[in-house]
Amino acid sequence: MSSKYLDMSPPVAAALKAGTPIVAIETGAFMQLPYPRNLTAMQEGEQAFWSRDCVPCFVALVDGRVKAGLTREEMDRLCQTGTACSRVDLPGLVAARGTAALRPSAALAAAKMAGIVPVASPSLGSAAADLDALCATGRLVFCSTLSHETRRLYAARAIPVLSGDPEALADAYQIQRDLEVAESSVVPCAASMADVARRASETAIALKRNTSYT
């Protein structure tokens, strides 16, 4: 679903047009680190996707524009602000032409706007805004570890927590949508961004190979 408030970087636009595996990446998680450590972490995370033949798409808000894919300059500006917003903050920040990283709920909304299904969201948790966004956006989300209490909250919202290899994850995501059991699902990974990148990239490749997701 395109939007007049959305800008896609050339690599992201080319990947979507060509059907290349691509993963949207939440930027809010990186703002927990001080500058320039957050910038270094983002660059390392980006490389983790490129090295696995998957296009990384950082989602953020820059000068009031929702960005699907960031330039080096935009990434640096974002990290210097050190701020992050939720989905509820987007209208006001867009109107004010603000710049901010996107927390999980806002990142899920941006991924839906861009038409990208797999989302790497390391800081996805039990916040009501994140759960509501999961229910509304129909994304396959790769996050860090989940507590037992958070899993129970997801179950109460009918959000499946999936496991398995990339082929199994891709199949399960498509099947649950075909059966209209659920739209969104979550795959908990280890706490490191490298592991989230590995799981998300491999599954994005399997999705592109085996399904035609939107």
C-alpha atoms as a PDB file:
ATOM      1  CA  MET A   1       0.000   0.000   0.000  1.00  0.00           C
ATOM      2  CA  SER A   2       1.700   3.176  -1.158  1.00  0.00           C
ATOM      3  CA  SER A   3       1.262   6.523   0.584  1.00  0.00           C
ATOM      4  CA  LYS A   4       1.873  10.123  -0.352  1.00  0.00           C
ATOM      5  CA  TYR A   5       3.861  10.400   2.885  1.00  0.00           C
ATOM      6  CA  LEU A   6       6.238   7.542   1.982  1.00  0.00           C
ATOM      7  CA  ASP A   7       9.614   7.770   0.236  1.00  0.00           C
ATOM      8  CA  MET A   8      11.456   4.663  -0.957  1.00  0.00           C
ATOM      9  CA  SER A   9      15.202   4.630  -1.483  1.00  0.00           C
ATOM     10  CA  PRO A  10      16.347   3.499  -4.953  1.00  0.00           C
ATOM     11  CA  PRO A  11      17.690   0.118  -3.689  1.00  0.00           C
ATOM     12  CA  VAL A  12      14.395  -0.618  -1.916  1.00  0.00           C
ATOM     13  CA  ALA A  13      12.268   0.439  -4.890  1.00  0.00           C
ATOM     14  CA  ALA A  14      14.410  -1.677  -7.226  1.00  0.00           C
ATOM     15  CA  ALA A  15      14.190  -4.697  -4.916  1.00  0.00           C
ATOM     16  CA  LEU A  16      10.401  -4.481  -4.688  1.00  0.00           C
ATOM     17  CA  LYS A  17      10.102  -4.140  -8.456  1.00  0.00           C
ATOM     18  CA  ALA A  18      12.460  -7.049  -9.125  1.00  0.00           C
ATOM     19  CA  GLY A  19      11.019  -9.298  -6.420  1.00  0.00           C
ATOM     20  CA  THR A  20      14.317  -9.427  -4.543  1.00  0.00           C
ATOM     21  CA  PRO A  21      14.101 -10.614  -0.911  1.00  0.00           C
ATOM     22  CA  ILE A  22      13.839  -7.605   1.372  1.00  0.00           C
ATOM     23  CA  VAL A  23      13.293  -7.056   5.108  1.00  0.00           C
ATOM     24  CA  ALA A  24      12.039  -3.901   6.834  1.00  0.00           C
ATOM     25  CA  ILE A  25      14.094  -3.066   9.925  1.00  0.00           C
ATOM     26  CA  GLU A  26      12.878  -1.182  12.983  1.00  0.00           C
ATOM     27  CA  THR A  27      15.175   1.734  13.861  1.00  0.00           C
ATOM     28  CA  GLY A  28      13.887   2.480  17.347  1.00  0.00           C
ATOM     29  CA  ALA A  29      15.911  -0.340  18.912  1.00  0.00           C
ATOM     30  CA  PHE A  30      19.174   1.326  17.881  1.00  0.00           C
ATOM     31  CA  MET A  31      18.292   4.576  19.643  1.00  0.00           C
ATOM     32  CA  GLN A  32      18.852   2.851  22.978  1.00  0.00           C
ATOM     33  CA  LEU A  33      22.573   3.333  22.299  1.00  0.00           C
ATOM     34  CA  PRO A  34      24.398   6.692  22.421  1.00  0.00           C
ATOM     35  CA  TYR A  35      25.759   8.314  19.286  1.00  0.00           C
ATOM     36  CA  PRO A  36      27.920   7.176  17.466  1.00  0.00           C
ATOM     37  CA  ARG A  37      27.531   3.639  18.821  1.00  0.00           C
ATOM     38  CA  ASN A  38      23.980   3.530  17.476  1.00  0.00           C
ATOM     39  CA  LEU A  39      25.226   4.474  14.015  1.00  0.00           C
ATOM     40  CA  THR A  40      27.878   1.764  14.092  1.00  0.00           C
ATOM     41  CA  ALA A  41      25.280  -0.786  15.233  1.00  0.00           C
ATOM     42  CA  MET A  42      22.931   0.205  12.396  1.00  0.00           C
ATOM     43  CA  GLN A  43      25.698  -0.089   9.826  1.00  0.00           C
ATOM     44  CA  GLU A  44      26.664  -3.514  11.165  1.00  0.00           C
ATOM     45  CA  GLY A  45      23.026  -4.590  11.093  1.00  0.00           C
ATOM     46  CA  GLU A  46      22.688  -3.377   7.524  1.00  0.00           C
ATOM     47  CA  GLN A  47      25.750  -5.353   6.465  1.00  0.00           C
ATOM     48  CA  ALA A  48      24.376  -8.474   8.159  1.00  0.00           C
ATOM     49  CA  PHE A  49      21.468  -8.425   5.688  1.00  0.00           C
ATOM     50  CA  TRP A  50      23.491  -7.529   2.590  1.00  0.00           C
ATOM     51  CA  SER A  51      25.888 -10.404   3.327  1.00  0.00           C
ATOM     52  CA  ARG A  52      22.947 -12.810   3.207  1.00  0.00           C
ATOM     53  CA  ASP A  53      21.694 -11.673  -0.216  1.00  0.00           C
ATOM     54  CA  CYS A  54      18.782  -9.803   1.304  1.00  0.00           C
ATOM     55  CA  VAL A  55      18.072  -6.091   0.900  1.00  0.00           C
ATOM     56  CA  PRO A  56      17.885  -4.240   4.255  1.00  0.00           C
ATOM     57  CA  CYS A  57      15.245  -1.525   4.527  1.00  0.00           C
ATOM     58  CA  PHE A  58      15.552   0.675   7.604  1.00  0.00           C
ATOM     59  CA  VAL A  59      12.269   2.478   8.260  1.00  0.00           C
ATOM     60  CA  ALA A  60      12.281   5.901   9.909  1.00  0.00           C
ATOM     61  CA  LEU A  61      10.843   9.404   9.809  1.00  0.00           C
ATOM     62  CA  VAL A  62      13.057  12.115   8.283  1.00  0.00           C
ATOM     63  CA  ASP A  63      11.848  15.697   7.851  1.00  0.00           C
ATOM     64  CA  GLY A  64       8.235  14.560   8.083  1.00  0.00           C
ATOM     65  CA  ARG A  65       8.623  11.841   5.452  1.00  0.00           C
ATOM     66  CA  VAL A  66       8.239   8.138   6.208  1.00  0.00           C
ATOM     67  CA  LYS A  67      11.384   6.575   4.789  1.00  0.00           C
ATOM     68  CA  ALA A  68      11.662   3.020   3.480  1.00  0.00           C
ATOM     69  CA  GLY A  69      15.425   2.836   3.151  1.00  0.00           C
ATOM     70  CA  LEU A  70      17.913   5.407   4.424  1.00  0.00           C
ATOM     71  CA  THR A  71      20.897   7.135   2.871  1.00  0.00           C
ATOM     72  CA  ARG A  72      24.124   7.342   4.884  1.00  0.00           C
ATOM     73  CA  GLU A  73      23.412  10.986   5.644  1.00  0.00           C
ATOM     74  CA  GLU A  74      19.870  10.222   6.827  1.00  0.00           C
ATOM     75  CA  MET A  75      21.143   7.380   8.987  1.00  0.00           C
ATOM     76  CA  ASP A  76      23.689   9.671  10.621  1.00  0.00           C
ATOM     77  CA  ARG A  77      21.111  12.417  11.233  1.00  0.00           C
ATOM     78  CA  LEU A  78      18.695   9.927  12.725  1.00  0.00           C
ATOM     79  CA  CYS A  79      21.276   8.517  15.111  1.00  0.00           C
ATOM     80  CA  GLN A  80      22.318  11.980  16.251  1.00  0.00           C
ATOM     81  CA  THR A  81      18.746  12.806  17.279  1.00  0.00           C
ATOM     82  CA  GLY A  82      18.550   9.694  19.448  1.00  0.00           C
ATOM     83  CA  THR A  83      14.748   9.915  19.440  1.00  0.00           C
ATOM     84  CA  ALA A  84      12.137   7.303  18.547  1.00  0.00           C
ATOM     85  CA  CYS A  85       8.378   7.398  18.115  1.00  0.00           C
ATOM     86  CA  SER A  86       5.401   5.055  18.171  1.00  0.00           C
ATOM     87  CA  ARG A  87       2.619   4.817  15.602  1.00  0.00           C
ATOM     88  CA  VAL A  88       0.403   7.204  17.568  1.00  0.00           C
ATOM     89  CA  ASP A  89       3.090   9.910  17.262  1.00  0.00           C
ATOM     90  CA  LEU A  90       3.394   9.730  13.463  1.00  0.00           C
ATOM     91  CA  PRO A  91       0.645  12.209  12.439  1.00  0.00           C
ATOM     92  CA  GLY A  92       1.950  14.998  14.642  1.00  0.00           C
ATOM     93  CA  LEU A  93       5.569  14.404  13.667  1.00  0.00           C
ATOM     94  CA  VAL A  94       4.724  14.255   9.961  1.00  0.00           C
ATOM     95  CA  ALA A  95       2.844  17.543  10.261  1.00  0.00           C
ATOM     96  CA  ALA A  96       5.767  19.101  12.157  1.00  0.00           C
ATOM     97  CA  ARG A  97       8.281  17.677   9.659  1.00  0.00           C
ATOM     98  CA  GLY A  98      10.040  15.870  12.460  1.00  0.00           C
ATOM     99  CA  THR A  99      12.822  13.311  12.389  1.00  0.00           C
ATOM    100  CA  ALA A 100      12.698  10.189  14.554  1.00  0.00           C
ATOM    101  CA  ALA A 101      13.428   6.490  14.573  1.00  0.00           C
ATOM    102  CA  LEU A 102      10.419   4.165  14.535  1.00  0.00           C
ATOM    103  CA  ARG A 103       9.523   1.924  17.449  1.00  0.00           C
ATOM    104  CA  PRO A 104       7.849  -1.422  16.651  1.00  0.00           C
ATOM    105  CA  SER A 105       4.286  -0.158  16.191  1.00  0.00           C
ATOM    106  CA  ALA A 106       5.408   2.631  13.849  1.00  0.00           C
ATOM    107  CA  ALA A 107       7.848   0.332  12.049  1.00  0.00           C
ATOM    108  CA  LEU A 108       5.050  -2.157  11.368  1.00  0.00           C
ATOM    109  CA  ALA A 109       2.892   0.633   9.936  1.00  0.00           C
ATOM    110  CA  ALA A 110       5.749   1.808   7.701  1.00  0.00           C
ATOM    111  CA  ALA A 111       6.418  -1.742   6.504  1.00  0.00           C
ATOM    112  CA  LYS A 112       2.770  -2.116   5.552  1.00  0.00           C
ATOM    113  CA  MET A 113       2.871   1.203   3.682  1.00  0.00           C
ATOM    114  CA  ALA A 114       5.894  -0.051   1.729  1.00  0.00           C
ATOM    115  CA  GLY A 115       4.434  -3.520   1.106  1.00  0.00           C
ATOM    116  CA  ILE A 116       7.245  -5.365   2.886  1.00  0.00           C
ATOM    117  CA  VAL A 117       6.140  -8.448   4.820  1.00  0.00           C
ATOM    118  CA  PRO A 118       9.152  -9.631   6.863  1.00  0.00           C
ATOM    119  CA  VAL A 119      10.040  -7.128   9.570  1.00  0.00           C
ATOM    120  CA  ALA A 120      13.084  -7.273  11.861  1.00  0.00           C
ATOM    121  CA  SER A 121      11.981  -5.695  15.121  1.00  0.00           C
ATOM    122  CA  PRO A 122      14.420  -6.600  17.909  1.00  0.00           C
ATOM    123  CA  SER A 123      12.613  -4.533  20.556  1.00  0.00           C
ATOM    124  CA  LEU A 124       9.111  -5.852  19.874  1.00  0.00           C
ATOM    125  CA  GLY A 125       7.551  -6.552  23.228  1.00  0.00           C
ATOM    126  CA  SER A 126       4.269  -6.509  25.092  1.00  0.00           C
ATOM    127  CA  ALA A 127       3.284  -2.846  24.676  1.00  0.00           C
ATOM    128  CA  ALA A 128      -0.369  -2.419  23.739  1.00  0.00           C
ATOM    129  CA  ALA A 129       0.574  -0.279  20.725  1.00  0.00           C
ATOM    130  CA  ASP A 130       2.834  -3.023  19.383  1.00  0.00           C
ATOM    131  CA  LEU A 131       0.169  -5.697  19.858  1.00  0.00           C
ATOM    132  CA  ASP A 132      -2.464  -3.547  18.155  1.00  0.00           C
ATOM    133  CA  ALA A 133      -0.094  -2.881  15.262  1.00  0.00           C
ATOM    134  CA  LEU A 134       0.636  -6.593  14.892  1.00  0.00           C
ATOM    135  CA  CYS A 135      -3.067  -7.354  14.666  1.00  0.00           C
ATOM    136  CA  ALA A 136      -3.627  -4.619  12.082  1.00  0.00           C
ATOM    137  CA  THR A 137      -0.686  -4.950   9.720  1.00  0.00           C
ATOM    138  CA  GLY A 138      -0.349  -8.631   8.855  1.00  0.00           C
ATOM    139  CA  ARG A 139       3.444  -8.801   9.082  1.00  0.00           C
ATOM    140  CA  LEU A 140       5.848 -11.630   9.797  1.00  0.00           C
ATOM    141  CA  VAL A 141       8.024 -10.186  12.561  1.00  0.00           C
ATOM    142  CA  PHE A 142      11.439 -11.380  13.707  1.00  0.00           C
ATOM    143  CA  CYS A 143      12.265 -10.180  17.205  1.00  0.00           C
ATOM    144  CA  SER A 144      14.550 -10.991  20.124  1.00  0.00           C
ATOM    145  CA  THR A 145      13.607 -13.491  22.800  1.00  0.00           C
ATOM    146  CA  LEU A 146      10.084 -13.435  24.252  1.00  0.00           C
ATOM    147  CA  SER A 147       9.180 -13.975  27.872  1.00  0.00           C
ATOM    148  CA  HIS A 148       6.522 -16.477  28.885  1.00  0.00           C
ATOM    149  CA  GLU A 149       4.227 -13.614  29.881  1.00  0.00           C
ATOM    150  CA  THR A 150       4.616 -11.936  26.490  1.00  0.00           C
ATOM    151  CA  ARG A 151       3.853 -15.200  24.704  1.00  0.00           C
ATOM    152  CA  ARG A 152       0.630 -15.455  26.697  1.00  0.00           C
ATOM    153  CA  LEU A 153      -0.325 -11.918  25.661  1.00  0.00           C
ATOM    154  CA  TYR A 154       0.284 -12.820  22.014  1.00  0.00           C
ATOM    155  CA  ALA A 155      -1.821 -15.958  22.367  1.00  0.00           C
ATOM    156  CA  ALA A 156      -4.652 -13.887  23.849  1.00  0.00           C
ATOM    157  CA  ARG A 157      -4.514 -11.663  20.748  1.00  0.00           C
ATOM    158  CA  ALA A 158      -4.427 -14.698  18.413  1.00  0.00           C
ATOM    159  CA  ILE A 159      -0.927 -13.777  17.231  1.00  0.00           C
ATOM    160  CA  PRO A 160       0.966 -17.009  16.484  1.00  0.00           C
ATOM    161  CA  VAL A 161       4.530 -17.446  17.707  1.00  0.00           C
ATOM    162  CA  LEU A 162       6.254 -19.519  15.026  1.00  0.00           C
ATOM    163  CA  SER A 163       9.409 -21.613  15.006  1.00  0.00           C
ATOM    164  CA  GLY A 164      11.242 -23.821  12.554  1.00  0.00           C
ATOM    165  CA  ASP A 165      13.551 -23.496   9.585  1.00  0.00           C
ATOM    166  CA  PRO A 166      13.060 -20.812   6.896  1.00  0.00           C
ATOM    167  CA  GLU A 167      11.015 -23.044   4.585  1.00  0.00           C
ATOM    168  CA  ALA A 168       8.713 -24.054   7.441  1.00  0.00           C
ATOM    169  CA  LEU A 169       8.290 -20.448   8.573  1.00  0.00           C
ATOM    170  CA  ALA A 170       7.461 -19.292   5.057  1.00  0.00           C
ATOM    171  CA  ASP A 171       4.920 -22.092   4.627  1.00  0.00           C
ATOM    172  CA  ALA A 172       3.329 -21.510   8.036  1.00  0.00           C
ATOM    173  CA  TYR A 173       2.929 -17.792   7.397  1.00  0.00           C
ATOM    174  CA  GLN A 174       1.243 -18.361   4.042  1.00  0.00           C
ATOM    175  CA  ILE A 175      -0.948 -21.208   5.308  1.00  0.00           C
ATOM    176  CA  GLN A 176      -2.234 -19.262   8.298  1.00  0.00           C
ATOM    177  CA  ARG A 177      -3.277 -16.444   5.962  1.00  0.00           C
ATOM    178  CA  ASP A 178      -4.920 -18.852   3.513  1.00  0.00           C
ATOM    179  CA  LEU A 179      -6.833 -20.442   6.382  1.00  0.00           C
ATOM    180  CA  GLU A 180      -7.679 -16.981   7.761  1.00  0.00           C
ATOM    181  CA  VAL A 181      -6.413 -18.131  11.144  1.00  0.00           C
ATOM    182  CA  ALA A 182      -4.288 -15.024  11.630  1.00  0.00           C
ATOM    183  CA  GLU A 183      -2.666 -12.224   9.661  1.00  0.00           C
ATOM    184  CA  SER A 184       0.404 -11.509  11.750  1.00  0.00           C
ATOM    185  CA  SER A 185       2.949 -13.815  13.312  1.00  0.00           C
ATOM    186  CA  VAL A 186       6.120 -13.535  15.367  1.00  0.00           C
ATOM    187  CA  VAL A 187       9.393 -15.452  15.274  1.00  0.00           C
ATOM    188  CA  PRO A 188      11.497 -15.057  18.438  1.00  0.00           C
ATOM    189  CA  CYS A 189      15.257 -15.198  17.860  1.00  0.00           C
ATOM    190  CA  ALA A 190      18.330 -14.823  20.032  1.00  0.00           C
ATOM    191  CA  ALA A 191      19.042 -11.388  21.449  1.00  0.00           C
ATOM    192  CA  SER A 192      21.698 -10.466  18.860  1.00  0.00           C
ATOM    193  CA  MET A 193      20.904  -8.479  15.717  1.00  0.00           C
ATOM    194  CA  ALA A 194      23.060 -10.916  13.737  1.00  0.00           C
ATOM    195  CA  ASP A 195      20.742 -13.814  14.574  1.00  0.00           C
ATOM    196  CA  VAL A 196      17.625 -11.762  13.832  1.00  0.00           C
ATOM    197  CA  ALA A 197      19.183 -10.833  10.473  1.00  0.00           C
ATOM    198  CA  ARG A 198      20.031 -14.437   9.678  1.00  0.00           C
ATOM    199  CA  ARG A 199      16.578 -15.794  10.439  1.00  0.00           C
ATOM    200  CA  ALA A 200      14.757 -12.908   8.748  1.00  0.00           C
ATOM    201  CA  SER A 201      16.935 -12.998   5.621  1.00  0.00           C
ATOM    202  CA  GLU A 202      16.670 -16.735   5.121  1.00  0.00           C
ATOM    203  CA  THR A 203      12.909 -16.654   5.576  1.00  0.00           C
ATOM    204  CA  ALA A 204      12.501 -13.671   3.228  1.00  0.00           C
ATOM    205  CA  ILE A 205      14.361 -15.651   0.567  1.00  0.00           C
ATOM    206  CA  ALA A 206      12.102 -18.650   1.162  1.00  0.00           C
ATOM    207  CA  LEU A 207       9.002 -16.469   0.981  1.00  0.00           C
ATOM    208  CA  LYS A 208      10.062 -15.002  -2.347  1.00  0.00           C
ATOM    209  CA  ARG A 209      10.901 -18.424  -3.708  1.00  0.00           C
ATOM    210  CA  ASN A 210       7.793 -20.252  -2.529  1.00  0.00           C
ATOM    211  CA  THR A 211       5.013 -17.687  -2.242  1.00  0.00           C
ATOM    212  CA  SER A 212       3.686 -14.436  -3.639  1.00  0.00           C
ATOM    213  CA  TYR A 213       3.088 -12.510  -0.445  1.00  0.00           C
ATOM    214  CA  THR A 214       1.703  -8.963  -0.198  1.00  0.00           C
END
